[in-house]
Amino acid sequence: MPKKKVTKKKNVLVTGGCGFIGSNFIRYFYNKYSNYHIFNLDALTYAGNPDNLSDIENSEAKNKTNKRFTFIKGDICDETLIENLFKKYRFDLIIHFAAETHVDRSIFNVFDFVHTNIRGTHSLLEAVRRNSVPRFIYISTDEVYGSVPDGFADEDSPLRPSNPYAASKASADLLAQTYIKTFKTPAIIVRGSNNFGTHQYPEKLIPMAITSIIEGKKVPVHGSGEHIRSWLHVLDFCSAIDLVAHKAPIFSIYNVSGEHKSNIEVLKLLAGYLGTDIKLFKEHVNDRPSADFRYAPDCSKLQKELGWRRKYSVDSDMGDVVKWYLDNKSWWQKIKQKQEYINHYEKQYKAQWY
């Protein structure tokens, strides 16, 4: 009788896996690849929520013999911790989500963004280089291109960030590129657009609007609300990263984009799913300093080289997102009751940029 082939488990490190996109990606990978052991490294700052992966934790608790998920609380800037983890687990793949991400917060507190987004990425790149990790994926953003008045930004377009968040991500993006060129570090850069979906921290536009309307509260809208964004379902972003992780040549850069809609169009859609009119809830506030009016990443390279296609759309799938927030009030109410969130909402509502 032929021996059964044993598939060696691969160790995958996901940084920032308790955040919105990171947790969705871990769930996606965990359910798709039974031969991957996923290590989630997260510092559990304000947006890092262990509840985002409670289903995975429950599944692991029932599985006594084939553990495939490990949570590690830690900071990507802790170089000693990072080096020890890399030596201990000999990771086959790194997917680096961990970052300070909210533009408003970057205006209030530049230091945290420079520290985490640049120094943390440097810490990981050094560990990848020293420990010969075969593949490192840096999750960047379309905001590195700045506002694109006309046409579209492809992967060779200049980086022109307009705020401290985008500048910190562009800096880390460029740092990864220099490690590719100088050290031949096997890195790939993925520049994603505005994601929407479940488990998103409720200071972001879509969950903030949904939960505020449910609570009967005002929704602060920056400026005219006509700013155009490329809206991408988080599971479509996960599928793009999956393709990049398994099929993309090292040293590549890929944009991942969604559908172009203005903020006010999205808010009207959300209100419609909640059976109301956004006019009853929106309140226009002062715009951000140097606000980007239009993001326009071009993802034709990803489509052509790796065959990626979107499965979800803003109009037809936003209703499921709204329903999730309606069905999971305890998840977001716990967050919105924290004083830290209340203080930040007040700043957003009053547009206190300085």
Protein backbone atom coordinates (compact mmCIF):
# COMPACT_ATOMS: atom_id res chain seq x y z
CA MET A 1 0.00 0.00 0.00
CA PRO A 2 1.55 3.36 -1.02
CA LYS A 3 2.46 5.71 1.78
CA LYS A 4 0.30 8.78 2.19
CA LYS A 5 2.12 11.90 1.15
CA VAL A 6 2.74 14.23 4.08
CA THR A 7 2.47 17.92 3.27
CA LYS A 8 4.87 20.05 5.26
CA LYS A 9 3.23 22.89 7.11
CA LYS A 10 4.28 26.38 6.10
CA ASN A 11 4.72 29.06 8.72
CA VAL A 12 3.11 32.35 7.73
CA LEU A 13 3.55 35.56 9.75
CA VAL A 14 0.78 38.15 9.49
CA THR A 15 1.47 41.46 11.22
CA GLY A 16 -1.48 43.52 12.40
CA GLY A 17 -3.81 40.55 12.12
CA CYS A 18 -6.29 41.85 14.70
CA GLY A 19 -7.11 44.88 12.57
CA PHE A 20 -9.81 45.17 9.93
CA ILE A 21 -8.01 43.95 6.81
CA GLY A 22 -5.56 41.73 8.67
CA SER A 23 -8.28 39.78 10.48
CA ASN A 24 -10.27 39.30 7.28
CA PHE A 25 -7.13 38.06 5.56
CA ILE A 26 -6.27 35.62 8.36
CA ARG A 27 -9.79 34.19 8.20
CA TYR A 28 -9.52 33.90 4.41
CA PHE A 29 -6.12 32.15 4.57
CA TYR A 30 -7.02 29.94 7.53
CA ASN A 31 -10.13 28.59 5.82
CA LYS A 32 -8.42 28.10 2.45
CA TYR A 33 -5.04 26.58 3.34
CA SER A 34 -5.03 23.71 5.81
CA ASN A 35 -1.25 23.27 5.56
CA TYR A 36 -0.45 26.81 6.75
CA HIS A 37 0.25 27.68 10.35
CA ILE A 38 -0.61 31.36 10.71
CA PHE A 39 1.16 33.46 13.33
CA ASN A 40 -0.60 36.73 14.10
CA LEU A 41 1.67 39.42 15.55
CA ASP A 42 -0.30 42.41 16.81
CA ALA A 43 0.43 45.09 19.41
CA LEU A 44 -3.30 45.51 20.13
CA THR A 45 -3.37 49.29 19.87
CA TYR A 46 -6.76 51.04 19.62
CA ALA A 47 -7.77 49.37 16.31
CA GLY A 48 -6.37 45.92 17.12
CA ASN A 49 -9.34 43.94 18.35
CA PRO A 50 -8.98 40.28 19.43
CA ASP A 51 -12.76 39.89 18.97
CA ASN A 52 -12.15 40.14 15.22
CA LEU A 53 -10.75 36.60 15.27
CA SER A 54 -12.89 35.00 17.96
CA ASP A 55 -14.21 32.46 15.45
CA ILE A 56 -10.68 31.32 14.62
CA GLU A 57 -9.78 31.12 18.31
CA ASN A 58 -12.90 29.02 18.97
CA SER A 59 -12.05 26.70 16.10
CA GLU A 60 -8.52 26.27 17.43
CA ALA A 61 -9.79 25.55 20.94
CA LYS A 62 -11.81 22.61 19.58
CA ASN A 63 -8.89 21.28 17.57
CA LYS A 64 -6.49 19.60 19.97
CA THR A 65 -4.14 17.93 17.50
CA ASN A 66 -3.73 20.20 14.48
CA LYS A 67 -3.15 23.73 15.68
CA ARG A 68 -2.91 26.18 12.79
CA PHE A 69 -3.13 29.60 14.45
CA THR A 70 -0.97 31.33 17.05
CA PHE A 71 -1.48 34.82 18.42
CA ILE A 72 1.56 36.76 19.60
CA LYS A 73 1.13 40.13 21.27
CA GLY A 74 4.05 42.31 20.30
CA ASP A 75 5.31 45.42 18.57
CA ILE A 76 6.91 45.24 15.11
CA CYS A 77 9.35 47.91 16.30
CA ASP A 78 10.70 45.54 18.95
CA GLU A 79 13.73 44.29 17.02
CA THR A 80 14.73 41.72 19.63
CA LEU A 81 11.27 40.16 19.62
CA ILE A 82 11.17 40.14 15.82
CA GLU A 83 14.59 38.49 15.53
CA ASN A 84 13.68 35.82 18.07
CA LEU A 85 10.40 35.02 16.31
CA PHE A 86 12.09 34.74 12.93
CA LYS A 87 14.78 32.42 14.26
CA LYS A 88 12.29 30.27 16.17
CA TYR A 89 9.66 29.76 13.50
CA ARG A 90 11.62 30.13 10.24
CA PHE A 91 8.74 31.81 8.43
CA ASP A 92 8.06 30.88 4.81
CA LEU A 93 5.97 33.98 4.12
CA ILE A 94 5.48 37.39 5.75
CA ILE A 95 2.44 39.56 5.05
CA HIS A 96 2.90 42.95 6.66
CA PHE A 97 -0.36 44.79 7.39
CA ALA A 98 0.56 46.37 10.74
CA ALA A 99 0.34 50.16 10.53
CA GLU A 100 -1.19 53.29 11.90
CA THR A 101 -3.79 53.95 9.21
CA HIS A 102 -6.23 56.78 9.88
CA VAL A 103 -5.47 60.05 8.09
CA ASP A 104 -7.18 62.16 10.77
CA ARG A 105 -5.06 60.62 13.50
CA SER A 106 -1.89 61.23 11.51
CA ILE A 107 -2.67 64.93 11.55
CA PHE A 108 -3.20 64.87 15.30
CA ASN A 109 -0.15 62.70 16.08
CA VAL A 110 2.54 62.41 13.41
CA PHE A 111 5.06 60.61 15.65
CA ASP A 112 3.10 57.36 16.00
CA PHE A 113 2.81 57.06 12.22
CA VAL A 114 6.49 57.67 11.58
CA HIS A 115 7.45 55.26 14.37
CA THR A 116 5.20 52.33 13.48
CA ASN A 117 4.94 52.64 9.72
CA ILE A 118 8.58 53.39 8.93
CA ARG A 119 10.61 51.99 11.82
CA GLY A 120 8.39 48.92 12.10
CA THR A 121 8.71 48.13 8.41
CA HIS A 122 12.48 48.58 8.64
CA SER A 123 12.60 46.13 11.55
CA LEU A 124 10.80 43.49 9.49
CA LEU A 125 12.86 44.08 6.34
CA GLU A 126 16.06 43.61 8.33
CA ALA A 127 14.76 40.39 9.86
CA VAL A 128 13.75 39.10 6.42
CA ARG A 129 17.23 39.89 5.10
CA ARG A 130 19.12 38.33 8.02
CA ASN A 131 17.01 35.19 8.15
CA SER A 132 16.65 34.55 4.42
CA VAL A 133 12.84 34.56 4.39
CA PRO A 134 11.78 33.59 0.86
CA ARG A 135 8.89 36.04 0.46
CA PHE A 136 7.83 39.32 2.12
CA ILE A 137 4.69 41.21 1.12
CA TYR A 138 4.42 44.83 2.16
CA ILE A 139 0.86 46.18 2.21
CA SER A 140 1.06 49.76 1.00
CA THR A 141 -1.78 52.06 -0.11
CA ASP A 142 -3.00 53.99 -3.13
CA GLU A 143 -2.73 57.13 -0.99
CA VAL A 144 1.02 57.19 -1.70
CA TYR A 145 0.14 58.62 -5.14
CA GLY A 146 -1.69 61.57 -3.62
CA SER A 147 -4.62 63.16 -5.41
CA VAL A 148 -4.93 62.19 -9.08
CA PRO A 149 -6.99 64.89 -10.85
CA ASP A 150 -7.15 63.10 -14.20
CA GLY A 151 -6.40 59.66 -15.55
CA PHE A 152 -5.06 56.85 -13.37
CA ALA A 153 -1.95 56.08 -11.33
CA ASP A 154 -0.09 52.94 -12.35
CA GLU A 155 2.73 51.30 -10.40
CA ASP A 156 5.34 53.57 -12.01
CA SER A 157 3.54 56.82 -11.21
CA PRO A 158 5.35 59.24 -8.88
CA LEU A 159 4.62 59.08 -5.16
CA ARG A 160 3.15 62.38 -3.98
CA PRO A 161 1.65 61.86 -0.53
CA SER A 162 -0.42 64.70 0.90
CA ASN A 163 -0.69 63.88 4.61
CA PRO A 164 1.49 62.33 7.33
CA TYR A 165 -0.19 58.92 7.05
CA ALA A 166 0.38 58.68 3.30
CA ALA A 167 3.92 60.03 3.70
CA SER A 168 4.78 57.38 6.29
CA LYS A 169 3.41 54.63 4.03
CA ALA A 170 5.26 56.04 1.01
CA SER A 171 8.46 56.13 3.06
CA ALA A 172 8.08 52.48 4.01
CA ASP A 173 7.16 51.64 0.42
CA LEU A 174 10.38 53.29 -0.80
CA LEU A 175 12.36 51.59 1.95
CA ALA A 176 11.09 48.21 0.73
CA GLN A 177 12.10 49.18 -2.81
CA THR A 178 15.61 50.06 -1.67
CA TYR A 179 15.95 46.70 0.12
CA ILE A 180 14.89 45.05 -3.14
CA LYS A 181 17.53 46.95 -5.11
CA THR A 182 20.35 46.98 -2.58
CA PHE A 183 20.01 43.62 -0.84
CA LYS A 184 17.83 41.70 -3.32
CA THR A 185 15.33 41.22 -0.52
CA PRO A 186 12.48 39.06 -1.92
CA ALA A 187 9.80 41.66 -1.30
CA ILE A 188 6.58 42.45 -3.16
CA ILE A 189 4.62 45.68 -2.67
CA VAL A 190 0.82 45.75 -2.82
CA ARG A 191 -0.91 49.15 -2.97
CA GLY A 192 -4.54 48.72 -2.00
CA SER A 193 -7.40 51.18 -2.26
CA ASN A 194 -10.15 52.04 0.27
CA ASN A 195 -11.45 48.75 1.67
CA PHE A 196 -14.95 48.14 2.98
CA GLY A 197 -16.39 45.13 4.77
CA THR A 198 -17.04 43.61 8.19
CA HIS A 199 -15.00 44.19 11.36
CA GLN A 200 -13.86 47.68 10.30
CA TYR A 201 -13.00 50.03 13.15
CA PRO A 202 -15.95 52.47 13.42
CA GLU A 203 -14.05 55.72 12.99
CA LYS A 204 -13.65 54.94 9.26
CA LEU A 205 -16.28 56.50 7.00
CA ILE A 206 -18.48 53.49 6.21
CA PRO A 207 -18.76 51.86 9.67
CA MET A 208 -18.88 55.29 11.32
CA ALA A 209 -21.81 56.29 9.10
CA ILE A 210 -23.67 53.00 9.53
CA THR A 211 -23.33 52.92 13.31
CA SER A 212 -24.06 56.63 13.72
CA ILE A 213 -27.27 56.38 11.69
CA ILE A 214 -28.33 53.35 13.73
CA GLU A 215 -27.71 55.39 16.90
CA GLY A 216 -29.48 58.46 15.49
CA LYS A 217 -26.30 60.55 15.56
CA LYS A 218 -24.84 62.96 13.04
CA VAL A 219 -22.30 61.80 10.46
CA PRO A 220 -19.46 64.34 10.01
CA VAL A 221 -18.67 64.80 6.30
CA HIS A 222 -15.38 66.41 5.34
CA GLY A 223 -15.86 69.40 3.05
CA SER A 224 -18.34 68.88 0.23
CA GLY A 225 -18.19 65.09 0.46
CA GLU A 226 -17.47 64.91 -3.27
CA HIS A 227 -14.05 63.36 -2.76
CA ILE A 228 -13.69 60.29 -4.98
CA ARG A 229 -12.28 57.04 -3.66
CA SER A 230 -11.68 53.60 -5.14
CA TRP A 231 -13.88 51.33 -3.01
CA LEU A 232 -12.72 47.72 -2.73
CA HIS A 233 -14.41 44.90 -0.83
CA VAL A 234 -11.99 43.51 1.73
CA LEU A 235 -12.46 39.94 0.45
CA ASP A 236 -11.48 41.04 -3.05
CA PHE A 237 -8.36 42.57 -1.52
CA CYS A 238 -7.67 39.28 0.29
CA SER A 239 -7.97 37.36 -2.96
CA ALA A 240 -5.51 39.75 -4.61
CA ILE A 241 -2.97 39.28 -1.81
CA ASP A 242 -3.48 35.52 -2.06
CA LEU A 243 -2.59 35.62 -5.77
CA VAL A 244 0.42 37.82 -5.10
CA ALA A 245 1.61 35.52 -2.30
CA HIS A 246 1.55 32.45 -4.53
CA LYS A 247 2.07 33.63 -8.10
CA ALA A 248 3.70 37.05 -8.29
CA PRO A 249 7.38 37.36 -9.18
CA ILE A 250 9.46 38.72 -6.32
CA PHE A 251 10.42 42.41 -6.57
CA SER A 252 6.98 43.22 -8.11
CA ILE A 253 4.61 46.08 -7.29
CA TYR A 254 0.84 45.80 -7.80
CA ASN A 255 -2.08 48.18 -7.42
CA VAL A 256 -5.40 46.73 -6.25
CA SER A 257 -8.37 48.97 -6.97
CA GLY A 258 -12.14 48.96 -6.63
CA GLU A 259 -15.00 51.11 -7.91
CA HIS A 260 -14.87 54.90 -8.06
CA LYS A 261 -17.56 56.63 -6.03
CA SER A 262 -17.64 59.85 -4.07
CA ASN A 263 -17.98 59.78 -0.29
CA ILE A 264 -21.44 61.33 -0.54
CA GLU A 265 -22.57 58.65 -3.02
CA VAL A 266 -21.48 55.96 -0.59
CA LEU A 267 -23.27 57.68 2.29
CA LYS A 268 -26.50 57.89 0.26
CA LEU A 269 -26.21 54.18 -0.49
CA LEU A 270 -25.70 53.32 3.19
CA ALA A 271 -28.65 55.44 4.29
CA GLY A 272 -30.83 53.78 1.67
CA TYR A 273 -29.99 50.34 3.01
CA LEU A 274 -30.91 51.61 6.47
CA GLY A 275 -34.24 52.94 5.20
CA THR A 276 -33.52 56.62 5.60
CA ASP A 277 -32.13 59.70 3.84
CA ILE A 278 -28.56 60.80 4.44
CA LYS A 279 -29.74 64.43 4.44
CA LEU A 280 -31.22 63.77 7.88
CA PHE A 281 -27.86 62.72 9.32
CA LYS A 282 -24.96 64.32 7.44
CA GLU A 283 -23.25 67.40 8.78
CA HIS A 284 -20.53 69.00 6.70
CA VAL A 285 -17.39 69.99 8.61
CA ASN A 286 -14.14 71.66 7.62
CA ASP A 287 -12.14 69.58 5.19
CA ARG A 288 -8.78 68.07 6.09
CA PRO A 289 -5.74 70.22 5.37
CA SER A 290 -4.43 69.45 1.87
CA ALA A 291 -7.24 66.94 1.32
CA ASP A 292 -6.89 64.53 -1.60
CA PHE A 293 -9.85 64.96 -3.92
CA ARG A 294 -9.48 61.86 -6.09
CA TYR A 295 -7.69 58.51 -5.74
CA ALA A 296 -7.39 56.56 -8.97
CA PRO A 297 -5.12 53.50 -8.90
CA ASP A 298 -4.88 51.43 -12.07
CA CYS A 299 -4.95 47.67 -11.39
CA SER A 300 -4.61 46.47 -14.99
CA LYS A 301 -1.16 45.02 -14.24
CA LEU A 302 -2.59 42.74 -11.54
CA GLN A 303 -5.43 41.71 -13.85
CA LYS A 304 -3.18 41.04 -16.81
CA GLU A 305 -0.30 39.26 -15.04
CA LEU A 306 -2.15 37.31 -12.34
CA GLY A 307 -5.71 37.18 -13.68
CA TRP A 308 -7.27 38.93 -10.68
CA ARG A 309 -10.91 40.01 -10.92
CA ARG A 310 -13.28 41.60 -8.43
CA LYS A 311 -16.19 39.44 -7.24
CA TYR A 312 -17.95 42.07 -5.14
CA SER A 313 -19.47 45.45 -5.97
CA VAL A 314 -20.31 48.49 -3.89
CA ASP A 315 -23.95 48.68 -4.97
CA SER A 316 -24.89 45.00 -4.67
CA ASP A 317 -22.76 43.93 -1.69
CA MET A 318 -22.88 46.94 0.61
CA GLY A 319 -26.22 45.69 1.94
CA ASP A 320 -24.51 42.64 3.44
CA VAL A 321 -21.99 44.91 5.15
CA VAL A 322 -24.78 47.06 6.61
CA LYS A 323 -26.55 43.92 7.81
CA TRP A 324 -23.40 42.73 9.58
CA TYR A 325 -23.24 45.95 11.61
CA LEU A 326 -26.95 45.66 12.39
CA ASP A 327 -26.47 42.06 13.54
CA ASN A 328 -23.30 42.73 15.54
CA LYS A 329 -24.13 45.81 17.59
CA SER A 330 -22.33 44.53 20.67
CA TRP A 331 -19.07 44.37 18.65
CA TRP A 332 -19.07 48.06 17.71
CA GLN A 333 -20.91 49.42 20.74
CA LYS A 334 -18.11 48.15 22.97
CA ILE A 335 -15.63 50.14 20.88
CA LYS A 336 -17.71 53.31 20.67
CA GLN A 337 -18.26 53.38 24.42
CA LYS A 338 -14.55 53.73 25.10
CA GLN A 339 -13.39 57.19 26.08
CA GLU A 340 -10.57 56.99 23.55
CA TYR A 341 -13.11 56.61 20.74
CA ILE A 342 -15.42 59.29 22.11
CA ASN A 343 -12.56 61.80 22.27
CA HIS A 344 -11.54 61.08 18.69
CA TYR A 345 -15.13 61.31 17.41
CA GLU A 346 -15.39 64.75 18.99
CA LYS A 347 -12.26 65.85 17.12
CA GLN A 348 -13.64 64.47 13.85
CA TYR A 349 -17.01 66.11 14.40
CA LYS A 350 -15.47 69.49 15.21
CA ALA A 351 -12.76 69.09 12.52
CA GLN A 352 -10.08 70.04 15.05
CA TRP A 353 -7.03 69.46 12.87
CA TYR A 354 -4.47 71.26 15.01
